[in-house]
Amino acid sequence: MFELRYANDWDMYYSKMDSTEQDKIWKKIQQLKNPVKARHLKHGIPLFVKEVGQYRICFREKEKIREILFAGNHKQYEKWYNAIEISL
């Protein structure tokens, strides 16, 4: 079982979604407490992406802690990814 933590601005896009979309994504976030398959964001970087239809959830995993970094749609994900890629 993993403990979930949340980055300060993880919900920048999530908070602007309608409640139906939020519910769908929130259920997937809660599933991250259990072992799930997720792809690496990029080789050599300890970040993972879980896809939920057209939405993406990005998280970092360390020991038994998963920190949610981002939740939003594909376009928002690309914008977020490009911003963090510069800082990596």
Protein backbone atom coordinates (compact mmCIF):
# COMPACT_ATOMS: atom_id res chain seq x y z
CA MET A 1 0.00 0.00 0.00
CA PHE A 2 1.28 3.47 -0.89
CA GLU A 3 0.75 6.72 0.97
CA LEU A 4 -0.46 9.54 -1.28
CA ARG A 5 0.91 13.06 -0.99
CA TYR A 6 0.18 16.05 -3.17
CA ALA A 7 2.51 18.71 -4.59
CA ASN A 8 1.49 22.30 -3.85
CA ASP A 9 0.19 23.08 -7.34
CA TRP A 10 -0.88 19.59 -8.46
CA ASP A 11 -4.51 20.70 -8.88
CA MET A 12 -3.86 23.80 -11.01
CA TYR A 13 -5.88 22.27 -13.88
CA TYR A 14 -7.85 19.70 -11.90
CA SER A 15 -9.63 22.38 -9.86
CA LYS A 16 -11.00 23.97 -13.06
CA MET A 17 -12.66 20.77 -14.34
CA ASP A 18 -16.33 20.02 -13.92
CA SER A 19 -17.29 17.73 -11.06
CA THR A 20 -17.92 14.68 -13.28
CA GLU A 21 -14.38 14.82 -14.65
CA GLN A 22 -12.98 15.48 -11.18
CA ASP A 23 -14.78 12.42 -9.77
CA LYS A 24 -13.41 10.19 -12.52
CA ILE A 25 -9.85 11.38 -11.99
CA TRP A 26 -10.14 11.34 -8.19
CA LYS A 27 -11.09 7.64 -8.29
CA LYS A 28 -7.97 6.90 -10.35
CA ILE A 29 -5.82 8.93 -7.97
CA GLN A 30 -7.16 6.88 -5.06
CA GLN A 31 -6.28 3.69 -6.95
CA LEU A 32 -2.64 4.83 -6.87
CA LYS A 33 -2.58 3.73 -3.23
CA ASN A 34 -2.30 0.21 -4.63
CA PRO A 35 0.32 -1.12 -7.05
CA VAL A 36 -0.69 -0.11 -10.60
CA LYS A 37 0.97 -0.12 -13.99
CA ALA A 38 2.11 3.29 -15.12
CA ARG A 39 4.62 4.37 -17.74
CA HIS A 40 7.77 6.36 -17.07
CA LEU A 41 7.49 10.00 -18.01
CA LYS A 42 10.95 9.83 -19.59
CA HIS A 43 13.78 7.32 -19.35
CA GLY A 44 16.02 8.05 -16.38
CA ILE A 45 13.53 10.32 -14.61
CA PRO A 46 11.65 8.89 -11.59
CA LEU A 47 8.27 10.29 -12.69
CA PHE A 48 5.33 8.22 -13.86
CA VAL A 49 2.18 8.89 -15.89
CA LYS A 50 -1.19 7.18 -15.48
CA GLU A 51 -3.64 7.74 -18.31
CA VAL A 52 -7.36 8.12 -17.62
CA GLY A 53 -9.02 8.46 -21.02
CA GLN A 54 -7.88 11.84 -22.34
CA TYR A 55 -6.58 12.83 -18.90
CA ARG A 56 -3.15 12.31 -17.34
CA ILE A 57 -2.02 11.93 -13.75
CA CYS A 58 1.69 12.40 -13.10
CA PHE A 59 3.34 11.24 -9.91
CA ARG A 60 6.68 10.61 -8.30
CA GLU A 61 7.34 7.39 -6.40
CA LYS A 62 9.80 6.97 -3.56
CA GLU A 63 9.71 3.95 -1.29
CA LYS A 64 6.05 3.64 -0.22
CA ILE A 65 5.05 7.23 -1.04
CA ARG A 66 3.49 8.49 -4.25
CA GLU A 67 3.37 12.25 -4.69
CA ILE A 68 0.79 13.53 -7.16
CA LEU A 69 2.37 16.27 -9.28
CA PHE A 70 -0.23 16.89 -12.00
CA ALA A 71 -3.75 16.02 -13.09
CA GLY A 72 -5.28 17.42 -16.26
CA ASN A 73 -6.13 16.80 -19.90
CA HIS A 74 -3.65 15.98 -22.64
CA LYS A 75 -3.09 19.57 -23.80
CA GLN A 76 -2.53 20.73 -20.22
CA TYR A 77 -0.20 17.78 -19.70
CA GLU A 78 1.92 18.81 -22.69
CA LYS A 79 2.15 22.38 -21.36
CA TRP A 80 3.08 21.10 -17.87
CA TYR A 81 5.58 18.59 -19.28
CA ASN A 82 7.34 21.22 -21.40
CA ALA A 83 7.62 23.50 -18.36
CA ILE A 84 9.18 20.81 -16.14
CA GLU A 85 11.41 19.50 -18.93
CA ILE A 86 13.19 22.84 -18.96
CA SER A 87 13.82 22.61 -15.22
CA LEU A 88 15.08 18.99 -15.32
